């Protein structure tokens, strides 16, 4: 039955790629043809990785997902051809020395040449296809840098508006500087009841030492089971949500300088000392204005580049012959979705 479903799914894919193309042409960009074989080759590594996703097991990638991946592969190939054509029109070429240096830097990340080649193979690439990709990226950057409108200077008014709009990004939550003496029940020997009794006795001894005048740091070093014991129980500044509820709640609730009573954390006992409180605060705009200005310029640059790509697509004679799209007009039974595996 599963084989039948998969067979129907493959038929659905064939039907979804509706174009009537019999010569293996997926698209035409000017006089340049993009073949279905090129689309398949570009999509193959992505499909292979998708098939290895955790939890997927040996189930095939869903037909609609296969089509989406092939659609994206075709769009990439179309864009790349538009970039090559525009670069030729503008007389732009990739810097061969810089391309060679990029490949050399990549190779330096591997102990051997073979390790580098093996890594490329796993990605469905060769050194030649990697070089082509780097050359294409060089051309893409050169074309977009030349054609994209340069972002205007970012005014202080624009910075202030962006700061107010994204203020939460520059907000630091309230924090508390705390120390802890923590007795972990799981570290103690005996039955559950015996371990809890031993834990309570141990934390009570620590509390007695504190009441007798011993320093919190010294008692933490002697009695605590938490790794902070080596720093005298110092947790540094902590935010809400970083520690078990009752311990955290106690640290935030009590005044600076106070030492808590014994706290039952559910997996042990604790005594908490609050050293200092730091209220929630917003970084002032003057402290982050340069970062905001940089972000705004980057966003404007990205938008300008997208406009260039959109214009190239609109102006170029692009004919997409094969439509890699899922036919949602068919009833589900005919679309051949593979059944879920038990």
C-alpha atoms as a PDB file:
ATOM      1  CA  UNK A   1       0.000   0.000   0.000  1.00  0.00           C
ATOM      2  CA  UNK A   2       2.817   2.426   0.891  1.00  0.00           C
ATOM      3  CA  UNK A   3       4.476   1.742  -2.488  1.00  0.00           C
ATOM      4  CA  UNK A   4       1.177   2.600  -4.205  1.00  0.00           C
ATOM      5  CA  UNK A   5       0.910   5.874  -2.314  1.00  0.00           C
ATOM      6  CA  UNK A   6       4.474   6.811  -3.257  1.00  0.00           C
ATOM      7  CA  UNK A   7       3.847   5.930  -6.880  1.00  0.00           C
ATOM      8  CA  UNK A   8       0.783   8.174  -6.899  1.00  0.00           C
ATOM      9  CA  UNK A   9       2.869  10.890  -5.241  1.00  0.00           C
ATOM     10  CA  UNK A  10       5.452  10.706  -8.017  1.00  0.00           C
ATOM     11  CA  UNK A  11       2.696  11.014 -10.596  1.00  0.00           C
ATOM     12  CA  UNK A  12       1.421  14.049  -8.711  1.00  0.00           C
ATOM     13  CA  UNK A  13       4.863  15.623  -8.869  1.00  0.00           C
ATOM     14  CA  UNK A  14       5.034  15.031 -12.608  1.00  0.00           C
ATOM     15  CA  UNK A  15       1.602  16.571 -13.052  1.00  0.00           C
ATOM     16  CA  UNK A  16       2.486  19.501 -10.821  1.00  0.00           C
ATOM     17  CA  UNK A  17       5.498  20.339 -13.003  1.00  0.00           C
ATOM     18  CA  UNK A  18       3.006  21.240 -15.723  1.00  0.00           C
ATOM     19  CA  UNK A  19       4.587  22.838 -18.748  1.00  0.00           C
ATOM     20  CA  UNK A  20       4.511  20.463 -21.626  1.00  0.00           C
ATOM     21  CA  UNK A  21       8.311  20.764 -21.829  1.00  0.00           C
ATOM     22  CA  UNK A  22       9.762  17.864 -23.719  1.00  0.00           C
ATOM     23  CA  UNK A  23      13.286  19.160 -24.257  1.00  0.00           C
ATOM     24  CA  UNK A  24      14.365  19.295 -20.610  1.00  0.00           C
ATOM     25  CA  UNK A  25      14.224  23.097 -20.451  1.00  0.00           C
ATOM     26  CA  UNK A  26      13.028  24.528 -17.133  1.00  0.00           C
ATOM     27  CA  UNK A  27      13.397  28.228 -17.954  1.00  0.00           C
ATOM     28  CA  UNK A  28      14.782  30.622 -20.521  1.00  0.00           C
ATOM     29  CA  UNK A  29      16.615  33.805 -19.534  1.00  0.00           C
ATOM     30  CA  UNK A  30      17.206  35.767 -22.713  1.00  0.00           C
ATOM     31  CA  UNK A  31      18.961  33.309 -25.018  1.00  0.00           C
ATOM     32  CA  UNK A  32      20.265  31.167 -22.151  1.00  0.00           C
ATOM     33  CA  UNK A  33      18.466  27.958 -21.253  1.00  0.00           C
ATOM     34  CA  UNK A  34      18.219  26.546 -17.732  1.00  0.00           C
ATOM     35  CA  UNK A  35      17.647  22.807 -17.923  1.00  0.00           C
ATOM     36  CA  UNK A  36      15.651  20.580 -15.642  1.00  0.00           C
ATOM     37  CA  UNK A  37      18.895  18.658 -15.081  1.00  0.00           C
ATOM     38  CA  UNK A  38      20.458  21.820 -13.638  1.00  0.00           C
ATOM     39  CA  UNK A  39      17.460  22.253 -11.348  1.00  0.00           C
ATOM     40  CA  UNK A  40      17.691  18.636 -10.207  1.00  0.00           C
ATOM     41  CA  UNK A  41      21.431  18.985  -9.542  1.00  0.00           C
ATOM     42  CA  UNK A  42      20.954  22.193  -7.546  1.00  0.00           C
ATOM     43  CA  UNK A  43      18.106  20.704  -5.501  1.00  0.00           C
ATOM     44  CA  UNK A  44      19.732  17.300  -4.883  1.00  0.00           C
ATOM     45  CA  UNK A  45      21.945  18.243  -1.879  1.00  0.00           C
ATOM     46  CA  UNK A  46      19.053  20.080  -0.211  1.00  0.00           C
ATOM     47  CA  UNK A  47      16.743  17.115  -0.728  1.00  0.00           C
ATOM     48  CA  UNK A  48      19.365  14.768   0.664  1.00  0.00           C
ATOM     49  CA  UNK A  49      19.803  16.883   3.796  1.00  0.00           C
ATOM     50  CA  UNK A  50      16.027  17.151   4.198  1.00  0.00           C
ATOM     51  CA  UNK A  51      15.772  13.375   4.076  1.00  0.00           C
ATOM     52  CA  UNK A  52      18.254  13.104   6.935  1.00  0.00           C
ATOM     53  CA  UNK A  53      16.420  15.465   9.289  1.00  0.00           C
ATOM     54  CA  UNK A  54      16.053  14.077  12.841  1.00  0.00           C
ATOM     55  CA  UNK A  55      12.776  12.247  13.354  1.00  0.00           C
ATOM     56  CA  UNK A  56      12.131  11.699   9.654  1.00  0.00           C
ATOM     57  CA  UNK A  57      13.476   8.138   9.678  1.00  0.00           C
ATOM     58  CA  UNK A  58      13.376   6.509   6.250  1.00  0.00           C
ATOM     59  CA  UNK A  59      10.237   8.342   5.134  1.00  0.00           C
ATOM     60  CA  UNK A  60      10.571  10.188   1.837  1.00  0.00           C
ATOM     61  CA  UNK A  61      10.421  13.989   1.791  1.00  0.00           C
ATOM     62  CA  UNK A  62       6.812  15.001   1.162  1.00  0.00           C
ATOM     63  CA  UNK A  63       6.062  15.671  -2.514  1.00  0.00           C
ATOM     64  CA  UNK A  64       5.031  19.280  -1.947  1.00  0.00           C
ATOM     65  CA  UNK A  65       8.281  19.912  -0.073  1.00  0.00           C
ATOM     66  CA  UNK A  66      10.277  18.393  -2.934  1.00  0.00           C
ATOM     67  CA  UNK A  67       8.552  20.752  -5.335  1.00  0.00           C
ATOM     68  CA  UNK A  68       9.180  23.759  -3.092  1.00  0.00           C
ATOM     69  CA  UNK A  69      12.883  22.911  -2.934  1.00  0.00           C
ATOM     70  CA  UNK A  70      13.060  22.559  -6.720  1.00  0.00           C
ATOM     71  CA  UNK A  71      11.160  25.822  -7.136  1.00  0.00           C
ATOM     72  CA  UNK A  72      13.722  27.610  -4.977  1.00  0.00           C
ATOM     73  CA  UNK A  73      16.548  25.964  -6.924  1.00  0.00           C
ATOM     74  CA  UNK A  74      15.098  27.245 -10.201  1.00  0.00           C
ATOM     75  CA  UNK A  75      14.687  30.772  -8.816  1.00  0.00           C
ATOM     76  CA  UNK A  76      18.333  30.739  -7.715  1.00  0.00           C
ATOM     77  CA  UNK A  77      19.468  29.647 -11.167  1.00  0.00           C
ATOM     78  CA  UNK A  78      17.375  32.367 -12.832  1.00  0.00           C
ATOM     79  CA  UNK A  79      18.784  35.036 -10.515  1.00  0.00           C
ATOM     80  CA  UNK A  80      22.330  33.817 -11.109  1.00  0.00           C
ATOM     81  CA  UNK A  81      21.882  34.075 -14.876  1.00  0.00           C
ATOM     82  CA  UNK A  82      20.474  37.585 -14.511  1.00  0.00           C
ATOM     83  CA  UNK A  83      23.535  38.549 -12.473  1.00  0.00           C
ATOM     84  CA  UNK A  84      25.944  37.058 -15.032  1.00  0.00           C
ATOM     85  CA  UNK A  85      24.212  38.849 -17.890  1.00  0.00           C
ATOM     86  CA  UNK A  86      24.191  42.176 -16.052  1.00  0.00           C
ATOM     87  CA  UNK A  87      27.848  41.798 -15.061  1.00  0.00           C
ATOM     88  CA  UNK A  88      28.783  41.189 -18.701  1.00  0.00           C
ATOM     89  CA  UNK A  89      26.756  44.236 -19.744  1.00  0.00           C
ATOM     90  CA  UNK A  90      28.549  46.398 -17.185  1.00  0.00           C
ATOM     91  CA  UNK A  91      31.949  44.913 -17.983  1.00  0.00           C
ATOM     92  CA  UNK A  92      32.399  43.556 -14.463  1.00  0.00           C
ATOM     93  CA  UNK A  93      34.636  40.581 -13.711  1.00  0.00           C
ATOM     94  CA  UNK A  94      35.528  38.652 -10.579  1.00  0.00           C
ATOM     95  CA  UNK A  95      38.964  39.187  -9.075  1.00  0.00           C
ATOM     96  CA  UNK A  96      40.728  35.859  -9.714  1.00  0.00           C
ATOM     97  CA  UNK A  97      43.340  36.478  -7.031  1.00  0.00           C
ATOM     98  CA  UNK A  98      40.688  37.192  -4.420  1.00  0.00           C
ATOM     99  CA  UNK A  99      38.752  34.066  -5.424  1.00  0.00           C
ATOM    100  CA  UNK A 100      41.882  31.937  -5.097  1.00  0.00           C
ATOM    101  CA  UNK A 101      42.601  33.484  -1.695  1.00  0.00           C
ATOM    102  CA  UNK A 102      39.074  32.654  -0.480  1.00  0.00           C
ATOM    103  CA  UNK A 103      39.517  29.012  -1.455  1.00  0.00           C
ATOM    104  CA  UNK A 104      42.939  28.933   0.206  1.00  0.00           C
ATOM    105  CA  UNK A 105      41.419  30.279   3.433  1.00  0.00           C
ATOM    106  CA  UNK A 106      38.721  27.591   3.335  1.00  0.00           C
ATOM    107  CA  UNK A 107      41.284  24.851   2.829  1.00  0.00           C
ATOM    108  CA  UNK A 108      43.222  26.142   5.837  1.00  0.00           C
ATOM    109  CA  UNK A 109      40.293  25.097   8.046  1.00  0.00           C
ATOM    110  CA  UNK A 110      40.970  21.435   7.272  1.00  0.00           C
ATOM    111  CA  UNK A 111      43.969  19.350   8.372  1.00  0.00           C
ATOM    112  CA  UNK A 112      44.379  17.818   4.907  1.00  0.00           C
ATOM    113  CA  UNK A 113      43.467  18.523   1.298  1.00  0.00           C
ATOM    114  CA  UNK A 114      41.416  15.321   1.245  1.00  0.00           C
ATOM    115  CA  UNK A 115      39.424  16.477   4.258  1.00  0.00           C
ATOM    116  CA  UNK A 116      38.535  19.629   2.358  1.00  0.00           C
ATOM    117  CA  UNK A 117      37.458  17.647  -0.708  1.00  0.00           C
ATOM    118  CA  UNK A 118      35.433  15.215   1.409  1.00  0.00           C
ATOM    119  CA  UNK A 119      33.585  18.117   2.991  1.00  0.00           C
ATOM    120  CA  UNK A 120      32.742  19.499  -0.443  1.00  0.00           C
ATOM    121  CA  UNK A 121      31.510  16.081  -1.553  1.00  0.00           C
ATOM    122  CA  UNK A 122      29.145  15.901   1.405  1.00  0.00           C
ATOM    123  CA  UNK A 123      27.657  19.204   0.238  1.00  0.00           C
ATOM    124  CA  UNK A 124      27.277  17.925  -3.311  1.00  0.00           C
ATOM    125  CA  UNK A 125      30.094  20.181  -4.527  1.00  0.00           C
ATOM    126  CA  UNK A 126      33.515  19.974  -6.125  1.00  0.00           C
ATOM    127  CA  UNK A 127      36.341  22.493  -5.974  1.00  0.00           C
ATOM    128  CA  UNK A 128      35.311  23.728  -9.427  1.00  0.00           C
ATOM    129  CA  UNK A 129      31.694  24.295  -8.431  1.00  0.00           C
ATOM    130  CA  UNK A 130      32.880  26.025  -5.253  1.00  0.00           C
ATOM    131  CA  UNK A 131      35.049  28.328  -7.349  1.00  0.00           C
ATOM    132  CA  UNK A 132      32.085  29.054  -9.623  1.00  0.00           C
ATOM    133  CA  UNK A 133      29.950  29.916  -6.587  1.00  0.00           C
ATOM    134  CA  UNK A 134      32.579  32.307  -5.242  1.00  0.00           C
ATOM    135  CA  UNK A 135      32.979  33.950  -8.662  1.00  0.00           C
ATOM    136  CA  UNK A 136      29.214  34.359  -8.888  1.00  0.00           C
ATOM    137  CA  UNK A 137      29.087  35.930  -5.433  1.00  0.00           C
ATOM    138  CA  UNK A 138      31.834  38.368  -6.455  1.00  0.00           C
ATOM    139  CA  UNK A 139      29.835  39.319  -9.538  1.00  0.00           C
ATOM    140  CA  UNK A 140      26.641  39.642  -7.521  1.00  0.00           C
ATOM    141  CA  UNK A 141      28.270  42.024  -5.067  1.00  0.00           C
ATOM    142  CA  UNK A 142      29.812  44.075  -7.862  1.00  0.00           C
ATOM    143  CA  UNK A 143      26.534  44.357  -9.800  1.00  0.00           C
ATOM    144  CA  UNK A 144      24.448  45.265  -6.765  1.00  0.00           C
ATOM    145  CA  UNK A 145      27.023  47.748  -5.475  1.00  0.00           C
ATOM    146  CA  UNK A 146      26.986  49.517  -8.833  1.00  0.00           C
ATOM    147  CA  UNK A 147      23.246  49.502  -9.469  1.00  0.00           C
ATOM    148  CA  UNK A 148      21.735  49.798  -5.994  1.00  0.00           C
ATOM    149  CA  UNK A 149      20.864  53.251  -4.794  1.00  0.00           C
ATOM    150  CA  UNK A 150      23.194  54.285  -2.016  1.00  0.00           C
ATOM    151  CA  UNK A 151      21.374  54.753   1.304  1.00  0.00           C
ATOM    152  CA  UNK A 152      21.000  58.332   2.413  1.00  0.00           C
ATOM    153  CA  UNK A 153      22.489  59.542   5.666  1.00  0.00           C
ATOM    154  CA  UNK A 154      20.515  58.395   8.677  1.00  0.00           C
ATOM    155  CA  UNK A 155      19.199  61.375  10.633  1.00  0.00           C
ATOM    156  CA  UNK A 156      18.971  61.609  14.399  1.00  0.00           C
ATOM    157  CA  UNK A 157      15.185  61.706  14.015  1.00  0.00           C
ATOM    158  CA  UNK A 158      15.295  58.318  12.259  1.00  0.00           C
ATOM    159  CA  UNK A 159      17.550  56.946  15.004  1.00  0.00           C
ATOM    160  CA  UNK A 160      15.163  58.195  17.722  1.00  0.00           C
ATOM    161  CA  UNK A 161      12.154  56.677  15.953  1.00  0.00           C
ATOM    162  CA  UNK A 162      13.918  53.312  15.542  1.00  0.00           C
ATOM    163  CA  UNK A 163      14.981  53.411  19.188  1.00  0.00           C
ATOM    164  CA  UNK A 164      11.391  53.881  20.364  1.00  0.00           C
ATOM    165  CA  UNK A 165      10.126  51.191  17.996  1.00  0.00           C
ATOM    166  CA  UNK A 166      12.709  48.621  19.161  1.00  0.00           C
ATOM    167  CA  UNK A 167      13.128  49.828  22.718  1.00  0.00           C
ATOM    168  CA  UNK A 168      12.690  46.342  24.178  1.00  0.00           C
ATOM    169  CA  UNK A 169      15.912  45.289  22.455  1.00  0.00           C
ATOM    170  CA  UNK A 170      17.835  47.747  24.616  1.00  0.00           C
ATOM    171  CA  UNK A 171      16.072  46.936  27.875  1.00  0.00           C
ATOM    172  CA  UNK A 172      17.929  45.199  30.669  1.00  0.00           C
ATOM    173  CA  UNK A 173      15.649  43.306  33.080  1.00  0.00           C
ATOM    174  CA  UNK A 174      15.868  43.634  36.844  1.00  0.00           C
ATOM    175  CA  UNK A 175      18.687  41.612  38.362  1.00  0.00           C
ATOM    176  CA  UNK A 176      19.815  40.633  41.813  1.00  0.00           C
ATOM    177  CA  UNK A 177      23.285  39.827  43.097  1.00  0.00           C
ATOM    178  CA  UNK A 178      22.916  36.754  45.280  1.00  0.00           C
ATOM    179  CA  UNK A 179      24.823  34.075  47.150  1.00  0.00           C
ATOM    180  CA  UNK A 180      23.521  30.623  47.991  1.00  0.00           C
ATOM    181  CA  UNK A 181      24.251  27.696  50.251  1.00  0.00           C
ATOM    182  CA  UNK A 182      22.611  24.716  48.613  1.00  0.00           C
ATOM    183  CA  UNK A 183      22.313  21.176  49.971  1.00  0.00           C
ATOM    184  CA  UNK A 184      21.398  18.713  47.208  1.00  0.00           C
ATOM    185  CA  UNK A 185      19.421  15.717  48.460  1.00  0.00           C
ATOM    186  CA  UNK A 186      20.530  13.437  45.611  1.00  0.00           C
ATOM    187  CA  UNK A 187      24.127  13.754  46.847  1.00  0.00           C
ATOM    188  CA  UNK A 188      23.249  12.209  50.206  1.00  0.00           C
ATOM    189  CA  UNK A 189      23.234   8.511  51.080  1.00  0.00           C
ATOM    190  CA  UNK A 190      20.327   6.408  52.372  1.00  0.00           C
ATOM    191  CA  UNK A 191      16.639   6.054  51.580  1.00  0.00           C
ATOM    192  CA  UNK A 192      14.657   9.028  50.409  1.00  0.00           C
ATOM    193  CA  UNK A 193      13.423   9.865  53.908  1.00  0.00           C
ATOM    194  CA  UNK A 194      16.915   9.428  55.362  1.00  0.00           C
ATOM    195  CA  UNK A 195      18.460  11.631  52.679  1.00  0.00           C
ATOM    196  CA  UNK A 196      15.952  14.408  53.320  1.00  0.00           C
ATOM    197  CA  UNK A 197      16.564  14.156  57.051  1.00  0.00           C
ATOM    198  CA  UNK A 198      20.317  14.362  56.519  1.00  0.00           C
ATOM    199  CA  UNK A 199      19.878  17.285  54.157  1.00  0.00           C
ATOM    200  CA  UNK A 200      17.759  19.192  56.631  1.00  0.00           C
ATOM    201  CA  UNK A 201      20.287  18.538  59.389  1.00  0.00           C
ATOM    202  CA  UNK A 202      23.130  19.776  57.177  1.00  0.00           C
ATOM    203  CA  UNK A 203      21.389  22.996  56.195  1.00  0.00           C
ATOM    204  CA  UNK A 204      20.393  23.637  59.808  1.00  0.00           C
ATOM    205  CA  UNK A 205      24.045  23.311  60.837  1.00  0.00           C
ATOM    206  CA  UNK A 206      24.950  25.852  58.148  1.00  0.00           C
ATOM    207  CA  UNK A 207      22.223  28.182  59.408  1.00  0.00           C
ATOM    208  CA  UNK A 208      23.492  27.858  62.986  1.00  0.00           C
ATOM    209  CA  UNK A 209      26.995  28.819  61.830  1.00  0.00           C
ATOM    210  CA  UNK A 210      25.633  31.914  60.135  1.00  0.00           C
ATOM    211  CA  UNK A 211      23.650  32.943  63.206  1.00  0.00           C
ATOM    212  CA  UNK A 212      26.809  32.491  65.293  1.00  0.00           C
ATOM    213  CA  UNK A 213      28.533  35.115  63.156  1.00  0.00           C
ATOM    214  CA  UNK A 214      30.403  33.102  60.525  1.00  0.00           C
ATOM    215  CA  UNK A 215      30.675  34.730  57.111  1.00  0.00           C
ATOM    216  CA  UNK A 216      28.293  33.546  54.424  1.00  0.00           C
ATOM    217  CA  UNK A 217      31.198  32.826  52.063  1.00  0.00           C
ATOM    218  CA  UNK A 218      32.987  30.621  54.615  1.00  0.00           C
ATOM    219  CA  UNK A 219      29.836  28.629  55.413  1.00  0.00           C
ATOM    220  CA  UNK A 220      29.065  28.200  51.696  1.00  0.00           C
ATOM    221  CA  UNK A 221      32.538  26.780  51.084  1.00  0.00           C
ATOM    222  CA  UNK A 222      32.035  24.257  53.881  1.00  0.00           C
ATOM    223  CA  UNK A 223      28.403  23.195  53.431  1.00  0.00           C
ATOM    224  CA  UNK A 224      27.167  23.986  49.911  1.00  0.00           C
ATOM    225  CA  UNK A 225      26.872  21.308  47.234  1.00  0.00           C
ATOM    226  CA  UNK A 226      26.577  23.845  44.434  1.00  0.00           C
ATOM    227  CA  UNK A 227      29.606  24.677  42.293  1.00  0.00           C
ATOM    228  CA  UNK A 228      29.380  28.307  43.436  1.00  0.00           C
ATOM    229  CA  UNK A 229      30.782  27.123  46.790  1.00  0.00           C
ATOM    230  CA  UNK A 230      34.302  27.713  45.467  1.00  0.00           C
ATOM    231  CA  UNK A 231      33.461  31.395  45.161  1.00  0.00           C
ATOM    232  CA  UNK A 232      31.796  31.588  48.540  1.00  0.00           C
ATOM    233  CA  UNK A 233      28.351  30.822  47.096  1.00  0.00           C
ATOM    234  CA  UNK A 234      28.484  33.850  44.788  1.00  0.00           C
ATOM    235  CA  UNK A 235      26.032  33.555  41.888  1.00  0.00           C
ATOM    236  CA  UNK A 236      26.779  37.006  40.519  1.00  0.00           C
ATOM    237  CA  UNK A 237      23.853  38.946  39.091  1.00  0.00           C
ATOM    238  CA  UNK A 238      20.933  36.727  38.072  1.00  0.00           C
ATOM    239  CA  UNK A 239      17.732  37.482  36.165  1.00  0.00           C
ATOM    240  CA  UNK A 240      14.291  36.031  36.693  1.00  0.00           C
ATOM    241  CA  UNK A 241      13.908  32.551  35.255  1.00  0.00           C
ATOM    242  CA  UNK A 242      17.492  31.427  35.818  1.00  0.00           C
ATOM    243  CA  UNK A 243      17.063  29.589  39.133  1.00  0.00           C
ATOM    244  CA  UNK A 244      14.444  27.325  40.755  1.00  0.00           C
ATOM    245  CA  UNK A 245      11.369  29.350  41.659  1.00  0.00           C
ATOM    246  CA  UNK A 246      11.556  29.535  45.456  1.00  0.00           C
ATOM    247  CA  UNK A 247      15.279  30.306  45.559  1.00  0.00           C
ATOM    248  CA  UNK A 248      14.937  32.990  42.897  1.00  0.00           C
ATOM    249  CA  UNK A 249      11.787  34.405  44.456  1.00  0.00           C
ATOM    250  CA  UNK A 250      13.518  34.700  47.814  1.00  0.00           C
ATOM    251  CA  UNK A 251      16.573  36.433  46.318  1.00  0.00           C
ATOM    252  CA  UNK A 252      14.403  39.065  44.609  1.00  0.00           C
ATOM    253  CA  UNK A 253      11.961  39.530  47.485  1.00  0.00           C
ATOM    254  CA  UNK A 254      14.331  40.277  50.351  1.00  0.00           C
ATOM    255  CA  UNK A 255      16.258  43.480  50.879  1.00  0.00           C
ATOM    256  CA  UNK A 256      19.950  43.817  50.057  1.00  0.00           C
ATOM    257  CA  UNK A 257      22.114  42.475  52.861  1.00  0.00           C
ATOM    258  CA  UNK A 258      19.456  40.080  54.136  1.00  0.00           C
ATOM    259  CA  UNK A 259      19.962  36.330  54.625  1.00  0.00           C
ATOM    260  CA  UNK A 260      16.935  34.118  54.163  1.00  0.00           C
ATOM    261  CA  UNK A 261      15.524  31.346  56.314  1.00  0.00           C
ATOM    262  CA  UNK A 262      15.861  27.792  54.986  1.00  0.00           C
ATOM    263  CA  UNK A 263      14.221  27.421  51.549  1.00  0.00           C
ATOM    264  CA  UNK A 264      12.888  24.076  50.287  1.00  0.00           C
ATOM    265  CA  UNK A 265      13.669  24.055  46.549  1.00  0.00           C
ATOM    266  CA  UNK A 266      12.093  20.694  45.786  1.00  0.00           C
ATOM    267  CA  UNK A 267      15.398  18.927  45.242  1.00  0.00           C
ATOM    268  CA  UNK A 268      17.195  20.233  48.274  1.00  0.00           C
ATOM    269  CA  UNK A 269      17.494  23.024  50.809  1.00  0.00           C
ATOM    270  CA  UNK A 270      18.987  26.477  50.387  1.00  0.00           C
ATOM    271  CA  UNK A 271      19.879  29.610  52.270  1.00  0.00           C
ATOM    272  CA  UNK A 272      20.002  32.724  50.120  1.00  0.00           C
ATOM    273  CA  UNK A 273      21.792  36.001  50.719  1.00  0.00           C
ATOM    274  CA  UNK A 274      20.835  39.028  48.648  1.00  0.00           C
ATOM    275  CA  UNK A 275      23.837  41.280  48.126  1.00  0.00           C
ATOM    276  CA  UNK A 276      22.320  43.965  45.897  1.00  0.00           C
ATOM    277  CA  UNK A 277      19.378  44.799  43.642  1.00  0.00           C
ATOM    278  CA  UNK A 278      19.691  46.265  40.156  1.00  0.00           C
ATOM    279  CA  UNK A 279      16.402  47.603  38.754  1.00  0.00           C
ATOM    280  CA  UNK A 280      15.313  47.131  35.159  1.00  0.00           C
ATOM    281  CA  UNK A 281      16.751  49.818  32.931  1.00  0.00           C
ATOM    282  CA  UNK A 282      16.833  50.953  29.324  1.00  0.00           C
ATOM    283  CA  UNK A 283      20.107  51.810  27.673  1.00  0.00           C
ATOM    284  CA  UNK A 284      19.904  55.512  26.742  1.00  0.00           C
ATOM    285  CA  UNK A 285      19.668  56.254  23.041  1.00  0.00           C
ATOM    286  CA  UNK A 286      23.070  57.955  23.089  1.00  0.00           C
ATOM    287  CA  UNK A 287      24.670  54.661  24.114  1.00  0.00           C
ATOM    288  CA  UNK A 288      23.226  52.741  21.177  1.00  0.00           C
ATOM    289  CA  UNK A 289      22.735  55.372  18.489  1.00  0.00           C
ATOM    290  CA  UNK A 290      25.718  54.253  16.405  1.00  0.00           C
ATOM    291  CA  UNK A 291      24.497  50.652  16.417  1.00  0.00           C
ATOM    292  CA  UNK A 292      21.015  51.798  15.417  1.00  0.00           C
ATOM    293  CA  UNK A 293      22.424  53.985  12.661  1.00  0.00           C
ATOM    294  CA  UNK A 294      24.466  51.060  11.353  1.00  0.00           C
ATOM    295  CA  UNK A 295      21.420  48.764  11.436  1.00  0.00           C
ATOM    296  CA  UNK A 296      19.277  51.291   9.561  1.00  0.00           C
ATOM    297  CA  UNK A 297      21.914  51.721   6.867  1.00  0.00           C
ATOM    298  CA  UNK A 298      22.217  47.943   6.492  1.00  0.00           C
ATOM    299  CA  UNK A 299      18.434  47.595   6.173  1.00  0.00           C
ATOM    300  CA  UNK A 300      18.284  50.356   3.570  1.00  0.00           C
ATOM    301  CA  UNK A 301      21.133  48.751   1.644  1.00  0.00           C
ATOM    302  CA  UNK A 302      19.371  45.374   1.668  1.00  0.00           C
ATOM    303  CA  UNK A 303      16.116  46.933   0.428  1.00  0.00           C
ATOM    304  CA  UNK A 304      17.950  48.748  -2.371  1.00  0.00           C
ATOM    305  CA  UNK A 305      19.565  45.498  -3.475  1.00  0.00           C
ATOM    306  CA  UNK A 306      16.236  43.672  -3.479  1.00  0.00           C
ATOM    307  CA  UNK A 307      14.815  46.413  -5.685  1.00  0.00           C
ATOM    308  CA  UNK A 308      17.675  45.921  -8.150  1.00  0.00           C
ATOM    309  CA  UNK A 309      17.031  42.189  -8.337  1.00  0.00           C
ATOM    310  CA  UNK A 310      13.299  42.785  -8.774  1.00  0.00           C
ATOM    311  CA  UNK A 311      14.002  45.286 -11.574  1.00  0.00           C
ATOM    312  CA  UNK A 312      16.362  42.886 -13.338  1.00  0.00           C
ATOM    313  CA  UNK A 313      13.674  40.199 -13.247  1.00  0.00           C
ATOM    314  CA  UNK A 314      11.016  42.606 -14.506  1.00  0.00           C
ATOM    315  CA  UNK A 315      13.166  43.946 -17.353  1.00  0.00           C
ATOM    316  CA  UNK A 316      14.775  40.703 -18.474  1.00  0.00           C
ATOM    317  CA  UNK A 317      13.052  38.300 -20.888  1.00  0.00           C
ATOM    318  CA  UNK A 318      12.538  35.476 -18.381  1.00  0.00           C
ATOM    319  CA  UNK A 319      10.291  32.592 -19.365  1.00  0.00           C
ATOM    320  CA  UNK A 320       9.682  29.955 -16.711  1.00  0.00           C
ATOM    321  CA  UNK A 321       8.655  26.856 -18.605  1.00  0.00           C
ATOM    322  CA  UNK A 322       8.409  24.297 -15.811  1.00  0.00           C
ATOM    323  CA  UNK A 323       6.241  25.325 -12.864  1.00  0.00           C
ATOM    324  CA  UNK A 324       7.439  23.526  -9.762  1.00  0.00           C
ATOM    325  CA  UNK A 325       4.255  24.025  -7.768  1.00  0.00           C
ATOM    326  CA  UNK A 326       1.950  21.748  -5.829  1.00  0.00           C
ATOM    327  CA  UNK A 327      -1.413  21.316  -7.503  1.00  0.00           C
ATOM    328  CA  UNK A 328      -3.871  22.116  -4.713  1.00  0.00           C
ATOM    329  CA  UNK A 329      -6.852  21.798  -7.061  1.00  0.00           C
ATOM    330  CA  UNK A 330      -6.719  18.011  -6.878  1.00  0.00           C
ATOM    331  CA  UNK A 331      -8.478  16.231  -4.006  1.00  0.00           C
ATOM    332  CA  UNK A 332      -6.124  14.922  -1.291  1.00  0.00           C
ATOM    333  CA  UNK A 333      -6.673  11.304  -2.338  1.00  0.00           C
ATOM    334  CA  UNK A 334      -5.209  12.087  -5.771  1.00  0.00           C
ATOM    335  CA  UNK A 335      -2.286  14.110  -4.487  1.00  0.00           C
ATOM    336  CA  UNK A 336      -0.677  10.966  -3.149  1.00  0.00           C
ATOM    337  CA  UNK A 337       0.617  12.064   0.223  1.00  0.00           C
ATOM    338  CA  UNK A 338       2.601   9.232   1.777  1.00  0.00           C
ATOM    339  CA  UNK A 339       0.859   7.850   4.858  1.00  0.00           C
ATOM    340  CA  UNK A 340       2.308   8.593   8.260  1.00  0.00           C
ATOM    341  CA  UNK A 341       4.471   5.797   9.533  1.00  0.00           C
ATOM    342  CA  UNK A 342       3.520   4.238  12.858  1.00  0.00           C
END
